[in-house]
Every structure is written in C-alpha cells, then in structure tokens.
C-alpha atoms as a PDB file:
ATOM      1  CA  MET A   1     -19.813  -0.975   3.518  1.00  0.00           C
ATOM      2  CA  SER A   2     -22.187   0.838   6.992  1.00  0.00           C
ATOM      3  CA  ASP A   3     -20.736   3.728   5.758  1.00  0.00           C
ATOM      4  CA  ALA A   4     -21.294   5.439   2.241  1.00  0.00           C
ATOM      5  CA  SER A   5     -17.982   5.850   0.157  1.00  0.00           C
ATOM      6  CA  TYR A   6     -17.745   9.303  -1.866  1.00  0.00           C
ATOM      7  CA  ARG A   7     -16.317  10.301  -5.560  1.00  0.00           C
ATOM      8  CA  ASP A   8     -13.166  12.047  -4.650  1.00  0.00           C
ATOM      9  CA  ALA A   9     -13.839  16.070  -5.666  1.00  0.00           C
ATOM     10  CA  ILE A  10     -11.181  17.049  -3.218  1.00  0.00           C
ATOM     11  CA  TYR A  11      -9.080  19.115  -5.800  1.00  0.00           C
ATOM     12  CA  SER A  12     -11.815  20.334  -7.715  1.00  0.00           C
ATOM     13  CA  THR A  13     -12.633  23.556  -7.199  1.00  0.00           C
ATOM     14  CA  PRO A  14      -9.806  26.400  -7.251  1.00  0.00           C
ATOM     15  CA  LEU A  15      -7.688  26.687  -3.928  1.00  0.00           C
ATOM     16  CA  ASP A  16      -5.728  29.620  -3.339  1.00  0.00           C
ATOM     17  CA  ARG A  17      -3.360  27.539  -0.933  1.00  0.00           C
ATOM     18  CA  VAL A  18      -3.203  23.949  -1.719  1.00  0.00           C
ATOM     19  CA  ALA A  19      -2.430  22.417   2.169  1.00  0.00           C
ATOM     20  CA  ARG A  20      -0.045  19.285   1.783  1.00  0.00           C
ATOM     21  CA  PHE A  21      -1.591  15.907   1.130  1.00  0.00           C
ATOM     22  CA  SER A  22      -3.200  14.243   4.772  1.00  0.00           C
ATOM     23  CA  PHE A  23      -5.457  10.945   5.497  1.00  0.00           C
ATOM     24  CA  ASP A  24      -7.965  13.006   7.193  1.00  0.00           C
ATOM     25  CA  GLU A  25     -11.663  12.430   7.213  1.00  0.00           C
ATOM     26  CA  GLN A  26     -12.062  14.067   3.742  1.00  0.00           C
ATOM     27  CA  VAL A  27      -9.954  11.375   2.294  1.00  0.00           C
ATOM     28  CA  VAL A  28     -11.458   8.682   4.038  1.00  0.00           C
ATOM     29  CA  ALA A  29     -14.760   9.365   2.795  1.00  0.00           C
ATOM     30  CA  CYS A  30     -13.971   9.225  -0.637  1.00  0.00           C
ATOM     31  CA  PHE A  31     -10.988   6.348  -0.616  1.00  0.00           C
ATOM     32  CA  PRO A  32     -12.046   3.894  -2.490  1.00  0.00           C
ATOM     33  CA  ASP A  33     -12.912   6.040  -5.184  1.00  0.00           C
ATOM     34  CA  MET A  34      -9.155   8.117  -5.090  1.00  0.00           C
ATOM     35  CA  ILE A  35      -7.399   4.463  -5.208  1.00  0.00           C
ATOM     36  CA  ARG A  36      -9.548   3.347  -7.992  1.00  0.00           C
ATOM     37  CA  ARG A  37      -9.565   6.282 -10.536  1.00  0.00           C
ATOM     38  CA  SER A  38      -6.089   7.271  -9.300  1.00  0.00           C
ATOM     39  CA  VAL A  39      -3.730   4.305  -8.798  1.00  0.00           C
ATOM     40  CA  PRO A  40      -3.166   1.805 -12.360  1.00  0.00           C
ATOM     41  CA  GLY A  41      -3.480  -1.890 -11.089  1.00  0.00           C
ATOM     42  CA  TYR A  42      -4.587  -1.596  -7.431  1.00  0.00           C
ATOM     43  CA  GLY A  43      -7.185  -4.154  -8.011  1.00  0.00           C
ATOM     44  CA  GLN A  44      -5.479  -6.697  -9.837  1.00  0.00           C
ATOM     45  CA  ILE A  45      -2.190  -6.122  -7.009  1.00  0.00           C
ATOM     46  CA  LEU A  46      -5.486  -7.205  -4.139  1.00  0.00           C
ATOM     47  CA  GLY A  47      -6.998  -9.924  -6.160  1.00  0.00           C
ATOM     48  CA  MET A  48      -3.669 -11.594  -6.579  1.00  0.00           C
ATOM     49  CA  LEU A  49      -2.670 -11.481  -2.710  1.00  0.00           C
ATOM     50  CA  GLY A  50      -5.171 -14.209  -2.335  1.00  0.00           C
ATOM     51  CA  LEU A  51      -2.978 -16.147  -4.531  1.00  0.00           C
ATOM     52  CA  ILE A  52       0.143 -15.322  -3.581  1.00  0.00           C
ATOM     53  CA  ALA A  53      -0.140 -16.063   0.156  1.00  0.00           C
ATOM     54  CA  GLY A  54      -2.185 -19.439  -0.681  1.00  0.00           C
ATOM     55  CA  ARG A  55       1.262 -20.069  -2.315  1.00  0.00           C
ATOM     56  CA  HIS A  56       3.741 -18.385   0.050  1.00  0.00           C
ATOM     57  CA  LEU A  57       1.844 -18.483   3.701  1.00  0.00           C
ATOM     58  CA  ARG A  58       2.617 -20.954   6.305  1.00  0.00           C
ATOM     59  CA  HIS A  59      -1.047 -22.301   7.432  1.00  0.00           C
ATOM     60  CA  GLY A  60      -2.395 -20.007  10.381  1.00  0.00           C
ATOM     61  CA  ALA A  61       0.597 -17.949  10.196  1.00  0.00           C
ATOM     62  CA  GLN A  62       0.192 -14.030  10.904  1.00  0.00           C
ATOM     63  CA  VAL A  63       0.044 -11.623   8.403  1.00  0.00           C
ATOM     64  CA  TYR A  64       0.499  -7.906   8.877  1.00  0.00           C
ATOM     65  CA  ASP A  65      -0.451  -4.911   6.136  1.00  0.00           C
ATOM     66  CA  LEU A  66       1.158  -1.768   7.151  1.00  0.00           C
ATOM     67  CA  GLY A  67      -0.003   1.195   5.854  1.00  0.00           C
ATOM     68  CA  CYS A  68      -3.710  -0.941   5.709  1.00  0.00           C
ATOM     69  CA  SER A  69      -5.974   2.454   5.365  1.00  0.00           C
ATOM     70  CA  LEU A  70      -9.614   1.162   4.771  1.00  0.00           C
ATOM     71  CA  GLY A  71      -8.238  -2.608   5.265  1.00  0.00           C
ATOM     72  CA  ALA A  72      -8.531  -3.585   1.386  1.00  0.00           C
ATOM     73  CA  ALA A  73      -5.788  -6.483   1.749  1.00  0.00           C
ATOM     74  CA  GLY A  74      -7.213  -7.870   4.828  1.00  0.00           C
ATOM     75  CA  LEU A  75     -10.581  -8.267   2.360  1.00  0.00           C
ATOM     76  CA  ALA A  76      -8.690  -9.535   0.012  1.00  0.00           C
ATOM     77  CA  LEU A  77      -7.306 -12.043   2.173  1.00  0.00           C
ATOM     78  CA  ALA A  78     -10.184 -12.616   3.935  1.00  0.00           C
ATOM     79  CA  GLY A  79     -12.191 -13.720   0.056  1.00  0.00           C
ATOM     80  CA  ALA A  80      -9.352 -15.641  -0.555  1.00  0.00           C
ATOM     81  CA  LEU A  81      -8.958 -17.556   2.345  1.00  0.00           C
ATOM     82  CA  PRO A  82     -10.906 -19.406   5.469  1.00  0.00           C
ATOM     83  CA  PRO A  83     -10.468 -18.122   8.797  1.00  0.00           C
ATOM     84  CA  GLU A  84      -8.282 -20.068  10.176  1.00  0.00           C
ATOM     85  CA  ALA A  85      -5.451 -19.546   7.221  1.00  0.00           C
ATOM     86  CA  PHE A  86      -4.032 -16.458   8.238  1.00  0.00           C
ATOM     87  CA  ARG A  87      -3.957 -13.779  11.124  1.00  0.00           C
ATOM     88  CA  TYR A  88      -4.342 -10.203  10.060  1.00  0.00           C
ATOM     89  CA  THR A  89      -2.837  -7.477  11.609  1.00  0.00           C
ATOM     90  CA  GLY A  90      -3.597  -3.885   9.967  1.00  0.00           C
ATOM     91  CA  VAL A  91      -1.839  -0.527  10.866  1.00  0.00           C
ATOM     92  CA  ASP A  92      -2.083   2.788  10.107  1.00  0.00           C
ATOM     93  CA  LEU A  93      -1.249   6.037  11.317  1.00  0.00           C
ATOM     94  CA  SER A  94      -4.722   7.972  10.467  1.00  0.00           C
ATOM     95  CA  PRO A  95      -6.822   7.610  13.682  1.00  0.00           C
ATOM     96  CA  ALA A  96     -10.081   7.733  10.557  1.00  0.00           C
ATOM     97  CA  MET A  97      -8.814   5.115   8.312  1.00  0.00           C
ATOM     98  CA  VAL A  98      -8.393   2.912  11.133  1.00  0.00           C
ATOM     99  CA  THR A  99     -12.240   3.504  12.580  1.00  0.00           C
ATOM    100  CA  ARG A 100     -13.202   2.871   9.514  1.00  0.00           C
ATOM    101  CA  ALA A 101     -11.178  -0.167   8.824  1.00  0.00           C
ATOM    102  CA  ARG A 102     -12.313  -1.825  11.923  1.00  0.00           C
ATOM    103  CA  GLU A 103     -15.963  -1.743  11.412  1.00  0.00           C
ATOM    104  CA  THR A 104     -15.178  -2.390   7.917  1.00  0.00           C
ATOM    105  CA  LEU A 105     -13.929  -6.178   8.645  1.00  0.00           C
ATOM    106  CA  ALA A 106     -15.690  -6.687  11.497  1.00  0.00           C
ATOM    107  CA  GLU A 107     -19.097  -6.217   9.266  1.00  0.00           C
ATOM    108  CA  GLU A 108     -17.881  -8.196   6.300  1.00  0.00           C
ATOM    109  CA  CYS A 109     -15.011 -10.857   8.150  1.00  0.00           C
ATOM    110  CA  PRO A 110     -16.733 -11.596  11.316  1.00  0.00           C
ATOM    111  CA  ASP A 111     -15.476 -15.491  11.328  1.00  0.00           C
ATOM    112  CA  HIS A 112     -11.645 -14.368  10.518  1.00  0.00           C
ATOM    113  CA  ALA A 113      -8.975 -13.306  13.676  1.00  0.00           C
ATOM    114  CA  MET A 114      -8.624  -9.646  11.894  1.00  0.00           C
ATOM    115  CA  GLU A 115      -7.504  -6.032  14.521  1.00  0.00           C
ATOM    116  CA  VAL A 116      -6.682  -2.622  13.128  1.00  0.00           C
ATOM    117  CA  LEU A 117      -4.164  -1.186  15.089  1.00  0.00           C
ATOM    118  CA  GLU A 118      -3.478   2.514  14.901  1.00  0.00           C
ATOM    119  CA  GLY A 119       0.167   3.051  15.166  1.00  0.00           C
ATOM    120  CA  ASP A 120       3.969   4.024  12.924  1.00  0.00           C
ATOM    121  CA  ILE A 121       4.912   1.242  11.422  1.00  0.00           C
ATOM    122  CA  ARG A 122       8.855   2.239  11.988  1.00  0.00           C
ATOM    123  CA  ARG A 123       8.283   2.181  16.180  1.00  0.00           C
ATOM    124  CA  LEU A 124       5.637  -1.426  16.126  1.00  0.00           C
ATOM    125  CA  GLU A 125       6.900  -4.032  17.898  1.00  0.00           C
ATOM    126  CA  TYR A 126       6.482  -7.454  15.223  1.00  0.00           C
ATOM    127  CA  ALA A 127       5.475 -10.608  15.740  1.00  0.00           C
ATOM    128  CA  PRO A 128       6.998 -13.443  14.018  1.00  0.00           C
ATOM    129  CA  ALA A 129       5.046 -12.846  10.670  1.00  0.00           C
ATOM    130  CA  GLY A 130       4.658 -14.999   7.304  1.00  0.00           C
ATOM    131  CA  MET A 131       3.382 -12.039   4.865  1.00  0.00           C
ATOM    132  CA  ILE A 132       4.362  -8.612   5.759  1.00  0.00           C
ATOM    133  CA  VAL A 133       2.225  -5.930   2.854  1.00  0.00           C
ATOM    134  CA  LEU A 134       3.304  -2.605   2.571  1.00  0.00           C
ATOM    135  CA  ASN A 135       0.414  -1.230  -0.514  1.00  0.00           C
ATOM    136  CA  PHE A 136       1.682   1.979  -1.167  1.00  0.00           C
ATOM    137  CA  THR A 137       3.203   3.157   2.549  1.00  0.00           C
ATOM    138  CA  LEU A 138       7.301   3.418   1.967  1.00  0.00           C
ATOM    139  CA  GLN A 139       6.592   5.979   0.150  1.00  0.00           C
ATOM    140  CA  PHE A 140       5.004   8.501   2.449  1.00  0.00           C
ATOM    141  CA  LEU A 141       8.072   7.632   4.640  1.00  0.00           C
ATOM    142  CA  ALA A 142      10.924  10.002   4.779  1.00  0.00           C
ATOM    143  CA  PRO A 143      13.806   8.767   2.790  1.00  0.00           C
ATOM    144  CA  GLU A 144      16.412   8.149   5.359  1.00  0.00           C
ATOM    145  CA  ASP A 145      13.691   5.770   7.159  1.00  0.00           C
ATOM    146  CA  ARG A 146      13.377   3.414   4.624  1.00  0.00           C
ATOM    147  CA  ASP A 147      16.535   1.112   4.987  1.00  0.00           C
ATOM    148  CA  ALA A 148      15.336   0.373   8.596  1.00  0.00           C
ATOM    149  CA  VAL A 149      11.917  -0.173   8.457  1.00  0.00           C
ATOM    150  CA  ILE A 150      12.470  -2.565   5.505  1.00  0.00           C
ATOM    151  CA  ALA A 151      15.395  -4.259   7.559  1.00  0.00           C
ATOM    152  CA  ARG A 152      12.802  -4.619  11.056  1.00  0.00           C
ATOM    153  CA  LEU A 153      10.894  -6.590   8.432  1.00  0.00           C
ATOM    154  CA  TYR A 154      13.069  -8.917   7.396  1.00  0.00           C
ATOM    155  CA  GLU A 155      13.789  -9.671  10.898  1.00  0.00           C
ATOM    156  CA  ALA A 156      10.373 -10.342  11.930  1.00  0.00           C
ATOM    157  CA  LEU A 157       9.653 -12.577   8.854  1.00  0.00           C
ATOM    158  CA  GLU A 158       9.736 -15.563   9.697  1.00  0.00           C
ATOM    159  CA  PRO A 159      11.797 -18.335   7.241  1.00  0.00           C
ATOM    160  CA  GLY A 160       9.766 -18.891   4.158  1.00  0.00           C
ATOM    161  CA  GLY A 161       7.919 -15.623   4.511  1.00  0.00           C
ATOM    162  CA  VAL A 162       7.176 -13.228   2.607  1.00  0.00           C
ATOM    163  CA  LEU A 163       7.600  -9.341   1.869  1.00  0.00           C
ATOM    164  CA  VAL A 164       4.593  -7.702  -0.727  1.00  0.00           C
ATOM    165  CA  LEU A 165       5.934  -4.369  -1.304  1.00  0.00           C
ATOM    166  CA  SER A 166       3.680  -1.998  -4.093  1.00  0.00           C
ATOM    167  CA  GLU A 167       4.839   1.778  -4.872  1.00  0.00           C
ATOM    168  CA  LYS A 168       4.674   5.087  -7.275  1.00  0.00           C
ATOM    169  CA  ILE A 169       8.085   4.707  -8.327  1.00  0.00           C
ATOM    170  CA  GLN A 170      10.139   6.917 -10.644  1.00  0.00           C
ATOM    171  CA  ALA A 171      12.520   5.942 -13.722  1.00  0.00           C
ATOM    172  CA  ALA A 172      15.837   6.384 -13.687  1.00  0.00           C
ATOM    173  CA  ASP A 173      15.911   7.624 -17.335  1.00  0.00           C
ATOM    174  CA  GLU A 174      14.856  11.349 -17.345  1.00  0.00           C
ATOM    175  CA  GLN A 175      13.265  10.934 -20.641  1.00  0.00           C
ATOM    176  CA  GLU A 176      11.276   7.545 -19.713  1.00  0.00           C
ATOM    177  CA  ASN A 177       9.755   9.023 -16.348  1.00  0.00           C
ATOM    178  CA  ALA A 178       9.026  11.898 -18.103  1.00  0.00           C
ATOM    179  CA  TRP A 179       6.507   9.459 -20.473  1.00  0.00           C
ATOM    180  CA  LEU A 180       5.470   7.437 -17.520  1.00  0.00           C
ATOM    181  CA  VAL A 181       4.396  10.771 -16.302  1.00  0.00           C
ATOM    182  CA  GLU A 182       2.637  12.037 -19.365  1.00  0.00           C
ATOM    183  CA  ARG A 183       0.295   8.781 -19.839  1.00  0.00           C
ATOM    184  CA  TYR A 184      -0.282   8.797 -15.862  1.00  0.00           C
ATOM    185  CA  HIS A 185      -1.482  11.942 -15.844  1.00  0.00           C
ATOM    186  CA  ASP A 186      -3.926  10.477 -19.705  1.00  0.00           C
ATOM    187  CA  PHE A 187      -4.400   7.444 -17.049  1.00  0.00           C
ATOM    188  CA  LYS A 188      -5.967  10.151 -14.468  1.00  0.00           C
ATOM    189  CA  ARG A 189      -7.641  11.942 -17.400  1.00  0.00           C
ATOM    190  CA  ALA A 190      -9.753   9.047 -18.657  1.00  0.00           C
ATOM    191  CA  ASN A 191     -10.989   8.816 -14.948  1.00  0.00           C
ATOM    192  CA  GLY A 192     -12.387  11.753 -15.045  1.00  0.00           C
ATOM    193  CA  TYR A 193     -10.416  14.138 -13.060  1.00  0.00           C
ATOM    194  CA  SER A 194      -9.711  17.744 -14.196  1.00  0.00           C
ATOM    195  CA  GLU A 195      -6.478  19.253 -15.489  1.00  0.00           C
ATOM    196  CA  MET A 196      -6.843  21.639 -12.149  1.00  0.00           C
ATOM    197  CA  GLU A 197      -7.724  18.282 -10.010  1.00  0.00           C
ATOM    198  CA  ILE A 198      -4.719  16.612 -11.165  1.00  0.00           C
ATOM    199  CA  SER A 199      -2.352  19.878 -10.246  1.00  0.00           C
ATOM    200  CA  GLN A 200      -3.227  20.429  -6.842  1.00  0.00           C
ATOM    201  CA  LYS A 201      -3.188  16.757  -6.619  1.00  0.00           C
ATOM    202  CA  ARG A 202       0.632  16.915  -7.503  1.00  0.00           C
ATOM    203  CA  THR A 203       0.836  19.861  -5.505  1.00  0.00           C
ATOM    204  CA  ALA A 204      -0.440  18.529  -2.381  1.00  0.00           C
ATOM    205  CA  LEU A 205       1.304  15.740  -2.409  1.00  0.00           C
ATOM    206  CA  GLU A 206       4.727  17.055  -3.323  1.00  0.00           C
ATOM    207  CA  ASN A 207       7.800  16.413  -0.772  1.00  0.00           C
ATOM    208  CA  VAL A 208       5.032  14.466   1.023  1.00  0.00           C
ATOM    209  CA  LEU A 209       5.261  11.098  -1.396  1.00  0.00           C
ATOM    210  CA  VAL A 210       8.710  10.715  -2.783  1.00  0.00           C
ATOM    211  CA  PRO A 211       8.765   7.320  -5.412  1.00  0.00           C
ATOM    212  CA  ASP A 212      12.284   5.493  -5.644  1.00  0.00           C
ATOM    213  CA  THR A 213      13.462   4.054  -8.638  1.00  0.00           C
ATOM    214  CA  LEU A 214      12.952   0.027  -9.184  1.00  0.00           C
ATOM    215  CA  GLU A 215      16.465  -0.540  -8.901  1.00  0.00           C
ATOM    216  CA  GLY A 216      16.174   1.476  -5.445  1.00  0.00           C
ATOM    217  CA  HIS A 217      13.592  -0.659  -4.078  1.00  0.00           C
ATOM    218  CA  HIS A 218      16.146  -3.722  -5.188  1.00  0.00           C
ATOM    219  CA  ALA A 219      19.214  -2.761  -3.751  1.00  0.00           C
ATOM    220  CA  ARG A 220      17.154  -1.497  -0.309  1.00  0.00           C
ATOM    221  CA  LEU A 221      15.708  -5.248  -0.052  1.00  0.00           C
ATOM    222  CA  ALA A 222      19.018  -6.902  -0.770  1.00  0.00           C
ATOM    223  CA  ARG A 223      20.674  -4.685   2.073  1.00  0.00           C
ATOM    224  CA  ALA A 224      18.324  -5.984   4.647  1.00  0.00           C
ATOM    225  CA  GLY A 225      19.242  -9.113   4.040  1.00  0.00           C
ATOM    226  CA  PHE A 226      16.683 -11.066   1.616  1.00  0.00           C
ATOM    227  CA  PRO A 227      18.366 -13.238  -1.055  1.00  0.00           C
ATOM    228  CA  ARG A 228      15.836 -12.745  -4.231  1.00  0.00           C
ATOM    229  CA  SER A 229      13.464  -9.796  -4.852  1.00  0.00           C
ATOM    230  CA  GLN A 230      11.480  -9.655  -8.235  1.00  0.00           C
ATOM    231  CA  THR A 231       9.387  -6.833  -9.855  1.00  0.00           C
ATOM    232  CA  TRP A 232       6.105  -9.270 -10.674  1.00  0.00           C
ATOM    233  CA  PHE A 233       3.430  -6.533 -11.244  1.00  0.00           C
ATOM    234  CA  GLN A 234       4.059  -2.904 -13.573  1.00  0.00           C
ATOM    235  CA  PHE A 235       1.166  -0.428 -14.674  1.00  0.00           C
ATOM    236  CA  LEU A 236       3.001   2.481 -15.682  1.00  0.00           C
ATOM    237  CA  ASN A 237       4.806   3.932 -12.887  1.00  0.00           C
ATOM    238  CA  PHE A 238       3.363   1.996 -10.208  1.00  0.00           C
ATOM    239  CA  ALA A 239       4.979  -1.314  -9.700  1.00  0.00           C
ATOM    240  CA  SER A 240       4.620  -4.871  -6.564  1.00  0.00           C
ATOM    241  CA  LEU A 241       7.470  -6.729  -5.813  1.00  0.00           C
ATOM    242  CA  ILE A 242       8.160  -9.756  -3.699  1.00  0.00           C
ATOM    243  CA  ALA A 243      10.745 -10.302  -1.421  1.00  0.00           C
ATOM    244  CA  PHE A 244      11.770 -13.979  -0.146  1.00  0.00           C
ATOM    245  CA  LYS A 245      12.982 -14.169   3.160  1.00  0.00           C
ATOM    246  CA  ASP A 246      14.677 -18.012   2.383  1.00  0.00           C
ATOM    247  CA  CYS A 247      14.045 -21.062   4.863  1.00  0.00           C
ATOM    248  CA  ARG A 248      16.717 -22.039   7.019  1.00  0.00           C
END
C-alpha cells in the first residue's frame, strides 16, 4: 500500500466529550491496526473467504462486499482466486474508506475486476450475485432496517449463492453475555489498549453499534427466505454465519 497505516491511538487521551464513532479520516488512517487489535478472529474470517468462494461461487460470478471499509475481503478473494473467477464490487458509506480502498485494490489487484462504490447498502441496486459478504456491517444499521436489507440480499443472490455475515453478537443469557464482554475487554488489554481507551471507545459506540444475538441473526435469515444458515466461526462475542440460497 502506498499510504502508511498508523497505530490506533484515537482514544488514548482523556476526552471531555466522547463523540459518536464514525468512519472518518482519523479512523481510516489507523483502521488496519484498529481491526487487528479490536476484532477477534478477523484475520481467520478473511482467510476463509477464498476457500468459501472456491467451494460455492460460480465461476465469473459477481461478489458484493458491503461495508467494505478498506477492501480487505476483496484482497483476500484476489489472493485466493484468479482474475477470471469473479467480479468484485465493494460498497461503503464513508468517502475516506472508499478513496483508500480504491487505491489499495488498484495497486494490489491490477488484473482483477474490482470496483468500489460510495453508497448506502439499503438503497443500492444489486445485480445478480453469487456471493455477498457483510463483514461487521449490519450491526451499524438501525435495527429496524436490518430485516429489509437481508431480504433484499436474498433476492439479489443467484440460486446456489451464499451470504457471509460476520457480526459482533450478544448472548441472550445476561450472565453469559457479561462473561463474553469481560473476556473481550481482556483481549483488548492484551493487545495494548488501556482502560481509558476501552471505556471511551465503548462510549463512542453506544447506540452506534447495536448487536443482535446469534439466534436473532439466524431467525432473520430464515425470514428472508434462506432455507439454511449456520454459524461457522465464533471467537468470544464475534461470529460469522453463512446462509445458503437453494438451487432451483
């Protein structure tokens, strides 16, 4: 990458007022480090995308990466599959993310058909797709919008297509959820975040990132029409699901 990535220190100094979290230029500059130290299992999820696509993606099919941030899912797919295997469209609402993702994908994957659009996934016109990736994106949408988004993605998928949905989750049981949150904070401490950083980041994300339960995600997928979904990965309160659209 031509642009340097910096260490996440956004919440390392005391703030009189903690603003709502947003994917602005400050976050973009340190995003790879932020993800690496804040999202358990993120690298493993990316690493599996190529294997999932190799098993389920029709050759030459369209792939959507919704809430693509810096295009990490596109990079993972391009690293695993030849240029003719798929067409990639990343979509993000953040202009800063889109600009950096376009630069990165053009530099790293010049032979692959890769585009990045600035837009709202709730209003995007989707072409028929063989695979759709939602990596930690649905959680940032208003809860009342989520059913409609998943229903639209079901309609956009080709028969035999798959949806990969990765999310921060909450447990239905209060005691279990508290344990997961505490161990997640231990994970962040082990990755160098201070108590102040953990606290201020949590405040910034309040009412911005609203997690669902795993059961809620599977129920939503079923309501949208998916006949089968399964949780294929979980690390503390972070999980990834795959939903299958039947061949017709």
